[in-house]
């Protein structure tokens, strides 16, 4: 993103509707890898956030997510703790999309904090 603040940029777009949110939930729930990422063997943190639409003629912000264990190198080799890995992902999202850390904290879901079931 450019020098315009995240909040100013997001305010220029419509919020996702309830139908958009429902579609996103169905898409996320049907992604056959998310539950593997939350398995007992692989801990991780999901960060959910809004982004401007990829197509400039669209006016609705989109819901996006990233998993903290999807950093380019394995977090357990590069980060001493889960908190360091999550911090690195937040730093990455801030530098890449200017998403403030408080927004990422609001959208943060960890396995132990969620009611998501393993499959």
PDB file of N, CA and C in Angstrom:
ATOM      1  N   UNK A   1       0.837  -1.175   0.000  1.00  0.00           N
ATOM      2  CA  UNK A   1       0.000   0.000   0.000  1.00  0.00           C
ATOM      3  C   UNK A   1       0.883   1.240   0.000  1.00  0.00           C
ATOM      4  N   UNK A   2       0.316   2.347  -0.373  1.00  0.00           N
ATOM      5  CA  UNK A   2       1.089   3.583  -0.408  1.00  0.00           C
ATOM      6  C   UNK A   2       1.057   4.282   0.942  1.00  0.00           C
ATOM      7  N   UNK A   3       1.415   5.564   0.979  1.00  0.00           N
ATOM      8  CA  UNK A   3       1.558   6.277   2.234  1.00  0.00           C
ATOM      9  C   UNK A   3       0.231   6.624   2.909  1.00  0.00           C
ATOM     10  N   UNK A   4      -0.887   6.472   2.225  1.00  0.00           N
ATOM     11  CA  UNK A   4      -2.181   6.713   2.851  1.00  0.00           C
ATOM     12  C   UNK A   4      -2.372   5.689   3.976  1.00  0.00           C
ATOM     13  N   UNK A   5      -2.974   6.131   5.074  1.00  0.00           N
ATOM     14  CA  UNK A   5      -3.114   5.219   6.209  1.00  0.00           C
ATOM     15  C   UNK A   5      -4.110   4.097   5.889  1.00  0.00           C
ATOM     16  N   UNK A   6      -3.925   2.989   6.571  1.00  0.00           N
ATOM     17  CA  UNK A   6      -4.816   1.835   6.399  1.00  0.00           C
ATOM     18  C   UNK A   6      -6.266   2.248   6.636  1.00  0.00           C
ATOM     19  N   UNK A   7      -6.516   2.988   7.717  1.00  0.00           N
ATOM     20  CA  UNK A   7      -7.890   3.371   8.066  1.00  0.00           C
ATOM     21  C   UNK A   7      -8.495   4.277   6.998  1.00  0.00           C
ATOM     22  N   UNK A   8      -7.722   5.236   6.503  1.00  0.00           N
ATOM     23  CA  UNK A   8      -8.229   6.117   5.450  1.00  0.00           C
ATOM     24  C   UNK A   8      -8.531   5.334   4.177  1.00  0.00           C
ATOM     25  N   UNK A   9      -7.660   4.393   3.852  1.00  0.00           N
ATOM     26  CA  UNK A   9      -7.857   3.590   2.654  1.00  0.00           C
ATOM     27  C   UNK A   9      -9.076   2.680   2.780  1.00  0.00           C
ATOM     28  N   UNK A  10      -9.222   2.011   3.900  1.00  0.00           N
ATOM     29  CA  UNK A  10     -10.347   1.098   4.100  1.00  0.00           C
ATOM     30  C   UNK A  10     -11.666   1.868   4.134  1.00  0.00           C
ATOM     31  N   UNK A  11     -11.648   3.069   4.688  1.00  0.00           N
ATOM     32  CA  UNK A  11     -12.876   3.876   4.732  1.00  0.00           C
ATOM     33  C   UNK A  11     -13.391   4.251   3.347  1.00  0.00           C
ATOM     34  N   UNK A  12     -12.544   4.188   2.340  1.00  0.00           N
ATOM     35  CA  UNK A  12     -13.000   4.528   0.986  1.00  0.00           C
ATOM     36  C   UNK A  12     -13.777   3.390   0.338  1.00  0.00           C
ATOM     37  N   UNK A  13     -13.851   2.246   1.015  1.00  0.00           N
ATOM     38  CA  UNK A  13     -14.546   1.079   0.471  1.00  0.00           C
ATOM     39  C   UNK A  13     -15.723   0.690   1.342  1.00  0.00           C
ATOM     40  N   UNK A  14     -16.714   0.077   0.723  1.00  0.00           N
ATOM     41  CA  UNK A  14     -17.865  -0.417   1.478  1.00  0.00           C
ATOM     42  C   UNK A  14     -17.444  -1.601   2.336  1.00  0.00           C
ATOM     43  N   UNK A  15     -18.109  -1.757   3.462  1.00  0.00           N
ATOM     44  CA  UNK A  15     -17.862  -2.917   4.323  1.00  0.00           C
ATOM     45  C   UNK A  15     -18.454  -4.161   3.688  1.00  0.00           C
ATOM     46  N   UNK A  16     -17.887  -5.318   3.958  1.00  0.00           N
ATOM     47  CA  UNK A  16     -18.500  -6.554   3.471  1.00  0.00           C
ATOM     48  C   UNK A  16     -19.893  -6.700   4.082  1.00  0.00           C
ATOM     49  N   UNK A  17     -20.806  -7.200   3.302  1.00  0.00           N
ATOM     50  CA  UNK A  17     -22.167  -7.428   3.796  1.00  0.00           C
ATOM     51  C   UNK A  17     -22.217  -8.742   4.572  1.00  0.00           C
ATOM     52  N   UNK A  18     -23.346  -8.999   5.206  1.00  0.00           N
ATOM     53  CA  UNK A  18     -23.524 -10.269   5.905  1.00  0.00           C
ATOM     54  C   UNK A  18     -23.366 -11.428   4.925  1.00  0.00           C
ATOM     55  N   UNK A  19     -23.896 -11.281   3.715  1.00  0.00           N
ATOM     56  CA  UNK A  19     -23.741 -12.330   2.694  1.00  0.00           C
ATOM     57  C   UNK A  19     -22.266 -12.534   2.325  1.00  0.00           C
ATOM     58  N   UNK A  20     -21.513 -11.437   2.216  1.00  0.00           N
ATOM     59  CA  UNK A  20     -20.073 -11.549   1.932  1.00  0.00           C
ATOM     60  C   UNK A  20     -19.362 -12.307   3.053  1.00  0.00           C
ATOM     61  N   UNK A  21     -19.717 -11.991   4.279  1.00  0.00           N
ATOM     62  CA  UNK A  21     -19.106 -12.664   5.429  1.00  0.00           C
ATOM     63  C   UNK A  21     -19.473 -14.144   5.431  1.00  0.00           C
ATOM     64  N   UNK A  22     -20.736 -14.445   5.154  1.00  0.00           N
ATOM     65  CA  UNK A  22     -21.171 -15.852   5.087  1.00  0.00           C
ATOM     66  C   UNK A  22     -20.425 -16.607   3.995  1.00  0.00           C
ATOM     67  N   UNK A  23     -20.247 -15.966   2.815  1.00  0.00           N
ATOM     68  CA  UNK A  23     -19.502 -16.603   1.732  1.00  0.00           C
ATOM     69  C   UNK A  23     -18.051 -16.863   2.141  1.00  0.00           C
ATOM     70  N   UNK A  24     -17.448 -15.881   2.820  1.00  0.00           N
ATOM     71  CA  UNK A  24     -16.077 -16.052   3.279  1.00  0.00           C
ATOM     72  C   UNK A  24     -15.972 -17.210   4.275  1.00  0.00           C
ATOM     73  N   UNK A  25     -16.905 -17.297   5.198  1.00  0.00           N
ATOM     74  CA  UNK A  25     -16.892 -18.383   6.183  1.00  0.00           C
ATOM     75  C   UNK A  25     -17.003 -19.727   5.482  1.00  0.00           C
ATOM     76  N   UNK A  26     -17.899 -19.827   4.501  1.00  0.00           N
ATOM     77  CA  UNK A  26     -18.033 -21.090   3.755  1.00  0.00           C
ATOM     78  C   UNK A  26     -16.747 -21.410   2.996  1.00  0.00           C
ATOM     79  N   UNK A  27     -16.150 -20.400   2.375  1.00  0.00           N
ATOM     80  CA  UNK A  27     -14.896 -20.599   1.648  1.00  0.00           C
ATOM     81  C   UNK A  27     -13.800 -21.065   2.602  1.00  0.00           C
ATOM     82  N   UNK A  28     -13.672 -20.400   3.730  1.00  0.00           N
ATOM     83  CA  UNK A  28     -12.654 -20.759   4.709  1.00  0.00           C
ATOM     84  C   UNK A  28     -12.909 -22.165   5.265  1.00  0.00           C
ATOM     85  N   UNK A  29     -14.159 -22.461   5.591  1.00  0.00           N
ATOM     86  CA  UNK A  29     -14.507 -23.771   6.156  1.00  0.00           C
ATOM     87  C   UNK A  29     -14.274 -24.895   5.157  1.00  0.00           C
ATOM     88  N   UNK A  30     -14.357 -24.595   3.872  1.00  0.00           N
ATOM     89  CA  UNK A  30     -14.163 -25.624   2.850  1.00  0.00           C
ATOM     90  C   UNK A  30     -12.728 -25.706   2.346  1.00  0.00           C
ATOM     91  N   UNK A  31     -11.855 -24.845   2.872  1.00  0.00           N
ATOM     92  CA  UNK A  31     -10.442 -24.908   2.512  1.00  0.00           C
ATOM     93  C   UNK A  31      -9.856 -26.099   3.274  1.00  0.00           C
ATOM     94  N   UNK A  32      -9.491 -27.124   2.560  1.00  0.00           N
ATOM     95  CA  UNK A  32      -9.131 -28.387   3.199  1.00  0.00           C
ATOM     96  C   UNK A  32      -7.772 -28.378   3.885  1.00  0.00           C
ATOM     97  N   UNK A  33      -7.155 -27.215   4.016  1.00  0.00           N
ATOM     98  CA  UNK A  33      -5.878 -27.214   4.726  1.00  0.00           C
ATOM     99  C   UNK A  33      -5.942 -26.513   6.075  1.00  0.00           C
ATOM    100  N   UNK A  34      -6.944 -25.671   6.305  1.00  0.00           N
ATOM    101  CA  UNK A  34      -6.934 -24.902   7.552  1.00  0.00           C
ATOM    102  C   UNK A  34      -6.984 -25.791   8.775  1.00  0.00           C
ATOM    103  N   UNK A  35      -7.772 -26.841   8.747  1.00  0.00           N
ATOM    104  CA  UNK A  35      -7.878 -27.675   9.949  1.00  0.00           C
ATOM    105  C   UNK A  35      -6.606 -28.493  10.170  1.00  0.00           C
ATOM    106  N   UNK A  36      -5.876 -28.769   9.119  1.00  0.00           N
ATOM    107  CA  UNK A  36      -4.583 -29.438   9.297  1.00  0.00           C
ATOM    108  C   UNK A  36      -3.600 -28.484   9.962  1.00  0.00           C
ATOM    109  N   UNK A  37      -3.684 -27.203   9.622  1.00  0.00           N
ATOM    110  CA  UNK A  37      -2.803 -26.211  10.214  1.00  0.00           C
ATOM    111  C   UNK A  37      -3.087 -26.034  11.702  1.00  0.00           C
ATOM    112  N   UNK A  38      -4.296 -26.347  12.131  1.00  0.00           N
ATOM    113  CA  UNK A  38      -4.651 -26.245  13.542  1.00  0.00           C
ATOM    114  C   UNK A  38      -4.582 -27.600  14.237  1.00  0.00           C
ATOM    115  N   UNK A  39      -3.895 -28.551  13.650  1.00  0.00           N
ATOM    116  CA  UNK A  39      -3.783 -29.869  14.270  1.00  0.00           C
ATOM    117  C   UNK A  39      -2.910 -29.804  15.511  1.00  0.00           C
ATOM    118  N   UNK A  40      -2.956 -30.842  16.313  1.00  0.00           N
ATOM    119  CA  UNK A  40      -2.144 -30.880  17.531  1.00  0.00           C
ATOM    120  C   UNK A  40      -0.660 -30.790  17.209  1.00  0.00           C
ATOM    121  N   UNK A  41      -0.259 -31.296  16.052  1.00  0.00           N
ATOM    122  CA  UNK A  41       1.161 -31.325  15.692  1.00  0.00           C
ATOM    123  C   UNK A  41       1.666 -29.970  15.195  1.00  0.00           C
ATOM    124  N   UNK A  42       0.776 -29.077  14.750  1.00  0.00           N
ATOM    125  CA  UNK A  42       1.212 -27.810  14.145  1.00  0.00           C
ATOM    126  C   UNK A  42       0.404 -26.660  14.730  1.00  0.00           C
ATOM    127  N   UNK A  43       0.962 -26.009  15.701  1.00  0.00           N
ATOM    128  CA  UNK A  43       0.276 -24.863  16.281  1.00  0.00           C
ATOM    129  C   UNK A  43       0.416 -23.673  15.351  1.00  0.00           C
ATOM    130  N   UNK A  44      -0.534 -22.786  15.415  1.00  0.00           N
ATOM    131  CA  UNK A  44      -0.467 -21.601  14.573  1.00  0.00           C
ATOM    132  C   UNK A  44      -1.504 -20.590  14.995  1.00  0.00           C
ATOM    133  N   UNK A  45      -1.400 -19.399  14.457  1.00  0.00           N
ATOM    134  CA  UNK A  45      -2.339 -18.322  14.741  1.00  0.00           C
ATOM    135  C   UNK A  45      -2.852 -17.781  13.421  1.00  0.00           C
ATOM    136  N   UNK A  46      -4.170 -17.627  13.312  1.00  0.00           N
ATOM    137  CA  UNK A  46      -4.777 -17.007  12.142  1.00  0.00           C
ATOM    138  C   UNK A  46      -5.016 -15.537  12.439  1.00  0.00           C
ATOM    139  N   UNK A  47      -4.750 -14.677  11.441  1.00  0.00           N
ATOM    140  CA  UNK A  47      -5.060 -13.259  11.524  1.00  0.00           C
ATOM    141  C   UNK A  47      -6.047 -12.939  10.404  1.00  0.00           C
ATOM    142  N   UNK A  48      -7.217 -12.435  10.761  1.00  0.00           N
ATOM    143  CA  UNK A  48      -8.250 -12.045   9.804  1.00  0.00           C
ATOM    144  C   UNK A  48      -8.292 -10.526   9.748  1.00  0.00           C
ATOM    145  N   UNK A  49      -8.464  -9.960   8.536  1.00  0.00           N
ATOM    146  CA  UNK A  49      -8.437  -8.514   8.377  1.00  0.00           C
ATOM    147  C   UNK A  49      -9.127  -8.142   7.069  1.00  0.00           C
ATOM    148  N   UNK A  50      -9.390  -6.849   6.899  1.00  0.00           N
ATOM    149  CA  UNK A  50      -9.979  -6.328   5.659  1.00  0.00           C
ATOM    150  C   UNK A  50      -8.894  -5.743   4.782  1.00  0.00           C
ATOM    151  N   UNK A  51      -9.037  -5.944   3.490  1.00  0.00           N
ATOM    152  CA  UNK A  51      -8.138  -5.352   2.508  1.00  0.00           C
ATOM    153  C   UNK A  51      -8.957  -4.672   1.417  1.00  0.00           C
ATOM    154  N   UNK A  52      -8.387  -3.674   0.766  1.00  0.00           N
ATOM    155  CA  UNK A  52      -9.058  -3.107  -0.407  1.00  0.00           C
ATOM    156  C   UNK A  52      -9.231  -4.190  -1.468  1.00  0.00           C
ATOM    157  N   UNK A  53     -10.235  -4.077  -2.304  1.00  0.00           N
ATOM    158  CA  UNK A  53     -10.444  -5.099  -3.333  1.00  0.00           C
ATOM    159  C   UNK A  53      -9.284  -5.130  -4.326  1.00  0.00           C
ATOM    160  N   UNK A  54      -8.984  -6.317  -4.848  1.00  0.00           N
ATOM    161  CA  UNK A  54      -7.876  -6.426  -5.805  1.00  0.00           C
ATOM    162  C   UNK A  54      -8.164  -5.757  -7.147  1.00  0.00           C
ATOM    163  N   UNK A  55      -9.435  -5.629  -7.499  1.00  0.00           N
ATOM    164  CA  UNK A  55      -9.834  -4.984  -8.751  1.00  0.00           C
ATOM    165  C   UNK A  55     -10.327  -3.587  -8.410  1.00  0.00           C
ATOM    166  N   UNK A  56      -9.698  -2.582  -8.970  1.00  0.00           N
ATOM    167  CA  UNK A  56      -9.985  -1.201  -8.570  1.00  0.00           C
ATOM    168  C   UNK A  56     -11.434  -0.781  -8.818  1.00  0.00           C
ATOM    169  N   UNK A  57     -12.114  -1.376  -9.778  1.00  0.00           N
ATOM    170  CA  UNK A  57     -13.505  -0.972 -10.025  1.00  0.00           C
ATOM    171  C   UNK A  57     -14.455  -1.514  -8.960  1.00  0.00           C
ATOM    172  N   UNK A  58     -14.027  -2.548  -8.211  1.00  0.00           N
ATOM    173  CA  UNK A  58     -14.834  -3.037  -7.099  1.00  0.00           C
ATOM    174  C   UNK A  58     -14.731  -2.034  -5.964  1.00  0.00           C
ATOM    175  N   UNK A  59     -15.807  -1.883  -5.224  1.00  0.00           N
ATOM    176  CA  UNK A  59     -15.794  -0.894  -4.152  1.00  0.00           C
ATOM    177  C   UNK A  59     -15.913  -1.521  -2.771  1.00  0.00           C
ATOM    178  N   UNK A  60     -15.982  -2.836  -2.690  1.00  0.00           N
ATOM    179  CA  UNK A  60     -16.199  -3.489  -1.415  1.00  0.00           C
ATOM    180  C   UNK A  60     -14.897  -4.072  -0.887  1.00  0.00           C
ATOM    181  N   UNK A  61     -14.574  -3.759   0.381  1.00  0.00           N
ATOM    182  CA  UNK A  61     -13.387  -4.336   1.015  1.00  0.00           C
ATOM    183  C   UNK A  61     -13.561  -5.850   1.100  1.00  0.00           C
ATOM    184  N   UNK A  62     -12.462  -6.567   1.058  1.00  0.00           N
ATOM    185  CA  UNK A  62     -12.538  -8.029   1.122  1.00  0.00           C
ATOM    186  C   UNK A  62     -11.952  -8.524   2.451  1.00  0.00           C
ATOM    187  N   UNK A  63     -12.467  -9.645   2.896  1.00  0.00           N
ATOM    188  CA  UNK A  63     -11.954 -10.279   4.107  1.00  0.00           C
ATOM    189  C   UNK A  63     -10.805 -11.184   3.689  1.00  0.00           C
ATOM    190  N   UNK A  64      -9.718 -11.097   4.387  1.00  0.00           N
ATOM    191  CA  UNK A  64      -8.564 -11.928   4.084  1.00  0.00           C
ATOM    192  C   UNK A  64      -8.042 -12.533   5.374  1.00  0.00           C
ATOM    193  N   UNK A  65      -7.174 -13.522   5.250  1.00  0.00           N
ATOM    194  CA  UNK A  65      -6.559 -14.109   6.434  1.00  0.00           C
ATOM    195  C   UNK A  65      -5.186 -14.654   6.078  1.00  0.00           C
ATOM    196  N   UNK A  66      -4.381 -14.825   7.095  1.00  0.00           N
ATOM    197  CA  UNK A  66      -3.080 -15.450   6.939  1.00  0.00           C
ATOM    198  C   UNK A  66      -2.826 -16.257   8.202  1.00  0.00           C
ATOM    199  N   UNK A  67      -2.071 -17.314   8.057  1.00  0.00           N
ATOM    200  CA  UNK A  67      -1.720 -18.179   9.178  1.00  0.00           C
ATOM    201  C   UNK A  67      -0.282 -17.879   9.575  1.00  0.00           C
ATOM    202  N   UNK A  68      -0.037 -17.657  10.847  1.00  0.00           N
ATOM    203  CA  UNK A  68       1.296 -17.220  11.268  1.00  0.00           C
ATOM    204  C   UNK A  68       2.377 -18.253  11.007  1.00  0.00           C
ATOM    205  N   UNK A  69       2.016 -19.505  10.901  1.00  0.00           N
ATOM    206  CA  UNK A  69       3.011 -20.534  10.628  1.00  0.00           C
ATOM    207  C   UNK A  69       3.262 -20.672   9.128  1.00  0.00           C
ATOM    208  N   UNK A  70       2.758 -19.711   8.338  1.00  0.00           N
ATOM    209  CA  UNK A  70       3.006 -19.733   6.895  1.00  0.00           C
ATOM    210  C   UNK A  70       4.135 -18.779   6.524  1.00  0.00           C
ATOM    211  N   UNK A  71       4.931 -18.373   7.500  1.00  0.00           N
ATOM    212  CA  UNK A  71       6.110 -17.568   7.193  1.00  0.00           C
ATOM    213  C   UNK A  71       7.022 -18.373   6.279  1.00  0.00           C
ATOM    214  N   UNK A  72       7.916 -17.688   5.594  1.00  0.00           N
ATOM    215  CA  UNK A  72       8.720 -18.367   4.582  1.00  0.00           C
ATOM    216  C   UNK A  72       9.607 -19.461   5.154  1.00  0.00           C
ATOM    217  N   UNK A  73      10.025 -19.341   6.402  1.00  0.00           N
ATOM    218  CA  UNK A  73      10.814 -20.399   7.029  1.00  0.00           C
ATOM    219  C   UNK A  73      10.046 -20.915   8.228  1.00  0.00           C
ATOM    220  N   UNK A  74      10.309 -22.138   8.595  1.00  0.00           N
ATOM    221  CA  UNK A  74       9.604 -22.738   9.719  1.00  0.00           C
ATOM    222  C   UNK A  74       9.816 -21.920  10.990  1.00  0.00           C
ATOM    223  N   UNK A  75       8.737 -21.540  11.653  1.00  0.00           N
ATOM    224  CA  UNK A  75       8.858 -20.673  12.819  1.00  0.00           C
ATOM    225  C   UNK A  75       9.649 -21.318  13.936  1.00  0.00           C
ATOM    226  N   UNK A  76       9.548 -22.618  14.096  1.00  0.00           N
ATOM    227  CA  UNK A  76      10.245 -23.247  15.207  1.00  0.00           C
ATOM    228  C   UNK A  76      11.758 -23.264  14.994  1.00  0.00           C
ATOM    229  N   UNK A  77      12.213 -23.070  13.773  1.00  0.00           N
ATOM    230  CA  UNK A  77      13.643 -22.978  13.502  1.00  0.00           C
ATOM    231  C   UNK A  77      14.154 -21.545  13.663  1.00  0.00           C
ATOM    232  N   UNK A  78      13.278 -20.570  13.473  1.00  0.00           N
ATOM    233  CA  UNK A  78      13.713 -19.178  13.460  1.00  0.00           C
ATOM    234  C   UNK A  78      13.227 -18.343  14.638  1.00  0.00           C
ATOM    235  N   UNK A  79      12.229 -18.808  15.345  1.00  0.00           N
ATOM    236  CA  UNK A  79      11.654 -18.048  16.439  1.00  0.00           C
ATOM    237  C   UNK A  79      11.602 -18.928  17.681  1.00  0.00           C
ATOM    238  N   UNK A  80      12.058 -18.382  18.787  1.00  0.00           N
ATOM    239  CA  UNK A  80      12.141 -19.163  20.018  1.00  0.00           C
ATOM    240  C   UNK A  80      10.759 -19.472  20.576  1.00  0.00           C
ATOM    241  N   UNK A  81       9.813 -18.573  20.351  1.00  0.00           N
ATOM    242  CA  UNK A  81       8.483 -18.765  20.931  1.00  0.00           C
ATOM    243  C   UNK A  81       7.396 -18.499  19.891  1.00  0.00           C
ATOM    244  N   UNK A  82       6.212 -18.959  20.240  1.00  0.00           N
ATOM    245  CA  UNK A  82       5.029 -18.714  19.411  1.00  0.00           C
ATOM    246  C   UNK A  82       4.765 -17.204  19.298  1.00  0.00           C
ATOM    247  N   UNK A  83       4.988 -16.477  20.395  1.00  0.00           N
ATOM    248  CA  UNK A  83       4.763 -15.037  20.393  1.00  0.00           C
ATOM    249  C   UNK A  83       5.721 -14.335  19.423  1.00  0.00           C
ATOM    250  N   UNK A  84       6.957 -14.806  19.341  1.00  0.00           N
ATOM    251  CA  UNK A  84       7.908 -14.224  18.386  1.00  0.00           C
ATOM    252  C   UNK A  84       7.452 -14.480  16.954  1.00  0.00           C
ATOM    253  N   UNK A  85       6.956 -15.674  16.690  1.00  0.00           N
ATOM    254  CA  UNK A  85       6.476 -16.001  15.346  1.00  0.00           C
ATOM    255  C   UNK A  85       5.273 -15.132  14.990  1.00  0.00           C
ATOM    256  N   UNK A  86       4.320 -15.011  15.942  1.00  0.00           N
ATOM    257  CA  UNK A  86       3.145 -14.176  15.683  1.00  0.00           C
ATOM    258  C   UNK A  86       3.550 -12.721  15.467  1.00  0.00           C
ATOM    259  N   UNK A  87       4.512 -12.247  16.264  1.00  0.00           N
ATOM    260  CA  UNK A  87       5.000 -10.883  16.097  1.00  0.00           C
ATOM    261  C   UNK A  87       5.637 -10.668  14.739  1.00  0.00           C
ATOM    262  N   UNK A  88       6.383 -11.674  14.273  1.00  0.00           N
ATOM    263  CA  UNK A  88       7.009 -11.571  12.947  1.00  0.00           C
ATOM    264  C   UNK A  88       5.948 -11.503  11.854  1.00  0.00           C
ATOM    265  N   UNK A  89       4.877 -12.287  11.992  1.00  0.00           N
ATOM    266  CA  UNK A  89       3.797 -12.236  11.000  1.00  0.00           C
ATOM    267  C   UNK A  89       3.112 -10.879  11.030  1.00  0.00           C
ATOM    268  N   UNK A  90       2.874 -10.345  12.221  1.00  0.00           N
ATOM    269  CA  UNK A  90       2.239  -9.027  12.314  1.00  0.00           C
ATOM    270  C   UNK A  90       3.142  -7.946  11.703  1.00  0.00           C
ATOM    271  N   UNK A  91       4.427  -8.032  11.975  1.00  0.00           N
ATOM    272  CA  UNK A  91       5.373  -7.083  11.368  1.00  0.00           C
ATOM    273  C   UNK A  91       5.345  -7.186   9.847  1.00  0.00           C
ATOM    274  N   UNK A  92       5.269  -8.413   9.349  1.00  0.00           N
ATOM    275  CA  UNK A  92       5.225  -8.653   7.909  1.00  0.00           C
ATOM    276  C   UNK A  92       3.964  -8.043   7.294  1.00  0.00           C
ATOM    277  N   UNK A  93       2.820  -8.261   7.937  1.00  0.00           N
ATOM    278  CA  UNK A  93       1.563  -7.714   7.423  1.00  0.00           C
ATOM    279  C   UNK A  93       1.546  -6.183   7.510  1.00  0.00           C
ATOM    280  N   UNK A  94       2.172  -5.636   8.544  1.00  0.00           N
ATOM    281  CA  UNK A  94       2.244  -4.182   8.644  1.00  0.00           C
ATOM    282  C   UNK A  94       3.100  -3.609   7.518  1.00  0.00           C
ATOM    283  N   UNK A  95       4.261  -4.227   7.286  1.00  0.00           N
ATOM    284  CA  UNK A  95       5.146  -3.694   6.241  1.00  0.00           C
ATOM    285  C   UNK A  95       4.574  -3.932   4.843  1.00  0.00           C
ATOM    286  N   UNK A  96       3.853  -5.034   4.657  1.00  0.00           N
ATOM    287  CA  UNK A  96       3.317  -5.357   3.336  1.00  0.00           C
ATOM    288  C   UNK A  96       2.037  -4.600   3.019  1.00  0.00           C
ATOM    289  N   UNK A  97       1.134  -4.494   4.011  1.00  0.00           N
ATOM    290  CA  UNK A  97      -0.185  -3.890   3.763  1.00  0.00           C
ATOM    291  C   UNK A  97      -0.504  -2.703   4.660  1.00  0.00           C
ATOM    292  N   UNK A  98       0.421  -2.308   5.536  1.00  0.00           N
ATOM    293  CA  UNK A  98       0.201  -1.215   6.498  1.00  0.00           C
ATOM    294  C   UNK A  98      -0.963  -1.493   7.441  1.00  0.00           C
ATOM    295  N   UNK A  99      -1.226  -2.759   7.726  1.00  0.00           N
ATOM    296  CA  UNK A  99      -2.313  -3.113   8.633  1.00  0.00           C
ATOM    297  C   UNK A  99      -1.827  -2.918  10.065  1.00  0.00           C
ATOM    298  N   UNK A 100      -2.476  -2.041  10.824  1.00  0.00           N
ATOM    299  CA  UNK A 100      -2.034  -1.793  12.192  1.00  0.00           C
ATOM    300  C   UNK A 100      -2.136  -3.050  13.060  1.00  0.00           C
ATOM    301  N   UNK A 101      -1.226  -3.162  13.996  1.00  0.00           N
ATOM    302  CA  UNK A 101      -1.193  -4.351  14.854  1.00  0.00           C
ATOM    303  C   UNK A 101      -2.471  -4.494  15.675  1.00  0.00           C
ATOM    304  N   UNK A 102      -3.093  -3.375  16.053  1.00  0.00           N
ATOM    305  CA  UNK A 102      -4.334  -3.486  16.831  1.00  0.00           C
ATOM    306  C   UNK A 102      -5.451  -4.144  16.016  1.00  0.00           C
ATOM    307  N   UNK A 103      -5.454  -3.923  14.700  1.00  0.00           N
ATOM    308  CA  UNK A 103      -6.436  -4.592  13.835  1.00  0.00           C
ATOM    309  C   UNK A 103      -6.141  -6.090  13.792  1.00  0.00           C
ATOM    310  N   UNK A 104      -4.873  -6.440  13.679  1.00  0.00           N
ATOM    311  CA  UNK A 104      -4.494  -7.850  13.639  1.00  0.00           C
ATOM    312  C   UNK A 104      -4.790  -8.535  14.967  1.00  0.00           C
ATOM    313  N   UNK A 105      -4.633  -7.835  16.074  1.00  0.00           N
ATOM    314  CA  UNK A 105      -4.946  -8.411  17.390  1.00  0.00           C
ATOM    315  C   UNK A 105      -6.439  -8.707  17.501  1.00  0.00           C
ATOM    316  N   UNK A 106      -7.264  -7.809  16.971  1.00  0.00           N
ATOM    317  CA  UNK A 106      -8.715  -8.015  17.020  1.00  0.00           C
ATOM    318  C   UNK A 106      -9.095  -9.264  16.236  1.00  0.00           C
ATOM    319  N   UNK A 107      -8.427  -9.478  15.091  1.00  0.00           N
ATOM    320  CA  UNK A 107      -8.761 -10.600  14.225  1.00  0.00           C
ATOM    321  C   UNK A 107      -7.936 -11.847  14.484  1.00  0.00           C
ATOM    322  N   UNK A 108      -7.319 -11.945  15.653  1.00  0.00           N
ATOM    323  CA  UNK A 108      -6.405 -13.047  15.957  1.00  0.00           C
ATOM    324  C   UNK A 108      -7.165 -14.234  16.550  1.00  0.00           C
ATOM    325  N   UNK A 109      -6.964 -15.413  15.941  1.00  0.00           N
ATOM    326  CA  UNK A 109      -7.572 -16.642  16.466  1.00  0.00           C
ATOM    327  C   UNK A 109      -6.490 -17.701  16.578  1.00  0.00           C
ATOM    328  N   UNK A 110      -6.314 -18.191  17.776  1.00  0.00           N
ATOM    329  CA  UNK A 110      -5.365 -19.273  18.020  1.00  0.00           C
ATOM    330  C   UNK A 110      -6.146 -20.547  18.277  1.00  0.00           C
ATOM    331  N   UNK A 111      -5.535 -21.664  18.010  1.00  0.00           N
ATOM    332  CA  UNK A 111      -6.206 -22.949  18.205  1.00  0.00           C
ATOM    333  C   UNK A 111      -6.745 -23.070  19.617  1.00  0.00           C
ATOM    334  N   UNK A 112      -5.918 -22.788  20.605  1.00  0.00           N
ATOM    335  CA  UNK A 112      -6.359 -22.973  21.980  1.00  0.00           C
ATOM    336  C   UNK A 112      -7.449 -21.982  22.377  1.00  0.00           C
ATOM    337  N   UNK A 113      -7.582 -20.876  21.616  1.00  0.00           N
ATOM    338  CA  UNK A 113      -8.598 -19.880  21.900  1.00  0.00           C
ATOM    339  C   UNK A 113      -9.886 -20.108  21.130  1.00  0.00           C
ATOM    340  N   UNK A 114      -9.860 -21.021  20.183  1.00  0.00           N
ATOM    341  CA  UNK A 114     -11.012 -21.165  19.291  1.00  0.00           C
ATOM    342  C   UNK A 114     -11.801 -22.412  19.602  1.00  0.00           C
ATOM    343  N   UNK A 115     -12.974 -22.465  18.995  1.00  0.00           N
ATOM    344  CA  UNK A 115     -13.819 -23.647  19.078  1.00  0.00           C
ATOM    345  C   UNK A 115     -13.768 -24.445  17.790  1.00  0.00           C
ATOM    346  N   UNK A 116     -12.767 -24.156  16.937  1.00  0.00           N
ATOM    347  CA  UNK A 116     -12.633 -24.873  15.684  1.00  0.00           C
ATOM    348  C   UNK A 116     -12.259 -26.306  15.986  1.00  0.00           C
ATOM    349  N   UNK A 117     -12.884 -27.242  15.305  1.00  0.00           N
ATOM    350  CA  UNK A 117     -12.589 -28.648  15.576  1.00  0.00           C
ATOM    351  C   UNK A 117     -11.561 -29.177  14.592  1.00  0.00           C
ATOM    352  N   UNK A 118     -10.804 -30.161  15.028  1.00  0.00           N
ATOM    353  CA  UNK A 118      -9.864 -30.851  14.140  1.00  0.00           C
ATOM    354  C   UNK A 118     -10.624 -31.899  13.346  1.00  0.00           C
ATOM    355  N   UNK A 119     -10.175 -32.129  12.134  1.00  0.00           N
ATOM    356  CA  UNK A 119     -10.793 -33.157  11.289  1.00  0.00           C
ATOM    357  C   UNK A 119      -9.765 -34.200  10.973  1.00  0.00           C
TER     358      UNK A 119
END
